[in-house]
Amino acid sequence: MRTTDRILELDCNPATRTFSQRLVAGFATLASVLRVFRNRMEINALHELDDNQLRDIGLSRADLDAAFLASTFFEDPSDQLTRSARNRGRKALHRLNQD
């Protein structure tokens, strides 16, 4: 018998997940959803700050509104606020270095 005639059968079926693996995946999803809601509540609290306080942390009212409008209900708007604050900080640092 030649080697080309031999067929090697591999069992490539995906293994079923155990109960503990499914439980961990469920808790991870739940933790992610809870984190998004917690961040949304914290960002809502930022609306109570005045414009000077927002400027101190590198944000503006327009940034808060844009973060909520750009994200869906289950998306975390804090990522967009972080990017806005970092970009504003980089621009301010760049202006200081030019002076």
C-alpha atoms as a PDB file:
ATOM      1  CA  MET A   1       0.000   0.000   0.000  1.00  0.00           C
ATOM      2  CA  ARG A   2       1.357   3.386  -0.937  1.00  0.00           C
ATOM      3  CA  THR A   3       1.379   6.321   1.422  1.00  0.00           C
ATOM      4  CA  THR A   4      -0.885   8.299  -0.855  1.00  0.00           C
ATOM      5  CA  ASP A   5      -3.596   5.694  -0.341  1.00  0.00           C
ATOM      6  CA  ARG A   6      -3.694   6.158   3.402  1.00  0.00           C
ATOM      7  CA  ILE A   7      -6.155   8.575   4.872  1.00  0.00           C
ATOM      8  CA  LEU A   8      -5.692   9.973   8.298  1.00  0.00           C
ATOM      9  CA  GLU A   9      -8.972  10.900   9.908  1.00  0.00           C
ATOM     10  CA  LEU A  10      -8.729  13.615  12.489  1.00  0.00           C
ATOM     11  CA  ASP A  11     -11.506  14.409  14.827  1.00  0.00           C
ATOM     12  CA  CYS A  12     -11.677  18.180  14.303  1.00  0.00           C
ATOM     13  CA  ASN A  13     -15.082  18.739  15.813  1.00  0.00           C
ATOM     14  CA  PRO A  14     -14.975  21.643  18.209  1.00  0.00           C
ATOM     15  CA  ALA A  15     -15.003  20.449  21.765  1.00  0.00           C
ATOM     16  CA  THR A  16     -18.122  21.283  23.676  1.00  0.00           C
ATOM     17  CA  ARG A  17     -17.598  23.735  26.470  1.00  0.00           C
ATOM     18  CA  THR A  18     -17.936  22.541  29.997  1.00  0.00           C
ATOM     19  CA  PHE A  19     -20.446  23.991  32.403  1.00  0.00           C
ATOM     20  CA  SER A  20     -17.760  25.955  34.231  1.00  0.00           C
ATOM     21  CA  GLN A  21     -16.477  27.456  30.952  1.00  0.00           C
ATOM     22  CA  ARG A  22     -19.989  28.541  30.005  1.00  0.00           C
ATOM     23  CA  LEU A  23     -20.505  29.957  33.489  1.00  0.00           C
ATOM     24  CA  VAL A  24     -17.266  31.965  33.309  1.00  0.00           C
ATOM     25  CA  ALA A  25     -18.207  33.286  29.855  1.00  0.00           C
ATOM     26  CA  GLY A  26     -21.624  34.311  31.167  1.00  0.00           C
ATOM     27  CA  PHE A  27     -20.127  36.142  34.136  1.00  0.00           C
ATOM     28  CA  ALA A  28     -17.601  37.889  31.859  1.00  0.00           C
ATOM     29  CA  THR A  29     -20.424  39.132  29.641  1.00  0.00           C
ATOM     30  CA  LEU A  30     -22.416  40.285  32.656  1.00  0.00           C
ATOM     31  CA  ALA A  31     -19.375  42.080  34.080  1.00  0.00           C
ATOM     32  CA  SER A  32     -18.829  43.835  30.754  1.00  0.00           C
ATOM     33  CA  VAL A  33     -22.433  45.053  30.603  1.00  0.00           C
ATOM     34  CA  LEU A  34     -22.301  46.236  34.212  1.00  0.00           C
ATOM     35  CA  ARG A  35     -19.051  48.104  33.512  1.00  0.00           C
ATOM     36  CA  VAL A  36     -20.665  49.924  30.565  1.00  0.00           C
ATOM     37  CA  PHE A  37     -23.650  50.976  32.707  1.00  0.00           C
ATOM     38  CA  ARG A  38     -21.391  52.103  35.555  1.00  0.00           C
ATOM     39  CA  ASN A  39     -19.293  54.200  33.152  1.00  0.00           C
ATOM     40  CA  ARG A  40     -22.455  55.737  31.684  1.00  0.00           C
ATOM     41  CA  MET A  41     -23.633  56.720  35.173  1.00  0.00           C
ATOM     42  CA  GLU A  42     -20.234  58.272  35.926  1.00  0.00           C
ATOM     43  CA  ILE A  43     -20.321  60.229  32.685  1.00  0.00           C
ATOM     44  CA  ASN A  44     -23.808  61.447  33.538  1.00  0.00           C
ATOM     45  CA  ALA A  45     -22.337  62.776  36.775  1.00  0.00           C
ATOM     46  CA  LEU A  46     -19.855  64.801  34.690  1.00  0.00           C
ATOM     47  CA  HIS A  47     -22.785  66.889  33.434  1.00  0.00           C
ATOM     48  CA  GLU A  48     -23.062  68.350  36.942  1.00  0.00           C
ATOM     49  CA  LEU A  49     -19.576  69.876  36.708  1.00  0.00           C
ATOM     50  CA  ASP A  50     -19.178  73.432  35.510  1.00  0.00           C
ATOM     51  CA  ASP A  51     -17.174  74.327  32.409  1.00  0.00           C
ATOM     52  CA  ASN A  52     -14.003  75.194  34.341  1.00  0.00           C
ATOM     53  CA  GLN A  53     -13.989  71.846  36.115  1.00  0.00           C
ATOM     54  CA  LEU A  54     -14.518  70.038  32.834  1.00  0.00           C
ATOM     55  CA  ARG A  55     -11.676  72.002  31.267  1.00  0.00           C
ATOM     56  CA  ASP A  56      -9.429  70.940  34.152  1.00  0.00           C
ATOM     57  CA  ILE A  57      -9.894  67.293  33.195  1.00  0.00           C
ATOM     58  CA  GLY A  58      -9.512  68.068  29.495  1.00  0.00           C
ATOM     59  CA  LEU A  59     -13.150  67.884  28.426  1.00  0.00           C
ATOM     60  CA  SER A  60     -15.913  70.183  27.270  1.00  0.00           C
ATOM     61  CA  ARG A  61     -19.693  69.961  27.256  1.00  0.00           C
ATOM     62  CA  ALA A  62     -19.540  69.272  23.513  1.00  0.00           C
ATOM     63  CA  ASP A  63     -17.304  66.249  24.213  1.00  0.00           C
ATOM     64  CA  LEU A  64     -19.857  64.850  26.667  1.00  0.00           C
ATOM     65  CA  ASP A  65     -22.707  65.289  24.225  1.00  0.00           C
ATOM     66  CA  ALA A  66     -20.725  63.852  21.317  1.00  0.00           C
ATOM     67  CA  ALA A  67     -19.742  60.786  23.354  1.00  0.00           C
ATOM     68  CA  PHE A  68     -23.370  59.989  24.128  1.00  0.00           C
ATOM     69  CA  LEU A  69     -24.571  60.636  20.593  1.00  0.00           C
ATOM     70  CA  ALA A  70     -21.801  58.564  18.983  1.00  0.00           C
ATOM     71  CA  SER A  71     -22.287  55.489  21.181  1.00  0.00           C
ATOM     72  CA  THR A  72     -25.171  53.075  21.171  1.00  0.00           C
ATOM     73  CA  PHE A  73     -26.917  51.999  24.360  1.00  0.00           C
ATOM     74  CA  PHE A  74     -24.551  49.081  25.040  1.00  0.00           C
ATOM     75  CA  GLU A  75     -21.341  50.829  23.964  1.00  0.00           C
ATOM     76  CA  ASP A  76     -19.060  52.509  26.436  1.00  0.00           C
ATOM     77  CA  PRO A  77     -18.815  56.278  25.780  1.00  0.00           C
ATOM     78  CA  SER A  78     -15.874  56.628  28.172  1.00  0.00           C
ATOM     79  CA  ASP A  79     -13.474  55.457  25.446  1.00  0.00           C
ATOM     80  CA  GLN A  80     -14.423  58.409  23.278  1.00  0.00           C
ATOM     81  CA  LEU A  81     -14.120  60.824  26.196  1.00  0.00           C
ATOM     82  CA  THR A  82     -10.665  59.485  26.970  1.00  0.00           C
ATOM     83  CA  ARG A  83      -9.580  60.039  23.365  1.00  0.00           C
ATOM     84  CA  SER A  84     -11.001  63.570  23.390  1.00  0.00           C
ATOM     85  CA  ALA A  85      -9.173  64.479  26.593  1.00  0.00           C
ATOM     86  CA  ARG A  86      -5.884  63.023  25.336  1.00  0.00           C
ATOM     87  CA  ASN A  87      -6.156  64.837  22.011  1.00  0.00           C
ATOM     88  CA  ARG A  88      -6.916  68.127  23.740  1.00  0.00           C
ATOM     89  CA  GLY A  89      -3.944  67.582  26.076  1.00  0.00           C
ATOM     90  CA  ARG A  90      -1.601  66.829  23.188  1.00  0.00           C
ATOM     91  CA  LYS A  91      -2.725  69.952  21.333  1.00  0.00           C
ATOM     92  CA  ALA A  92      -2.207  72.095  24.434  1.00  0.00           C
ATOM     93  CA  LEU A  93       1.245  70.604  24.996  1.00  0.00           C
ATOM     94  CA  HIS A  94       2.146  71.191  21.357  1.00  0.00           C
ATOM     95  CA  ARG A  95       1.076  74.849  21.635  1.00  0.00           C
ATOM     96  CA  LEU A  96       3.183  75.275  24.781  1.00  0.00           C
ATOM     97  CA  ASN A  97       6.229  73.788  23.062  1.00  0.00           C
ATOM     98  CA  GLN A  98       5.834  76.168  20.131  1.00  0.00           C
ATOM     99  CA  ASP A  99       5.806  79.231  22.401  1.00  0.00           C
END
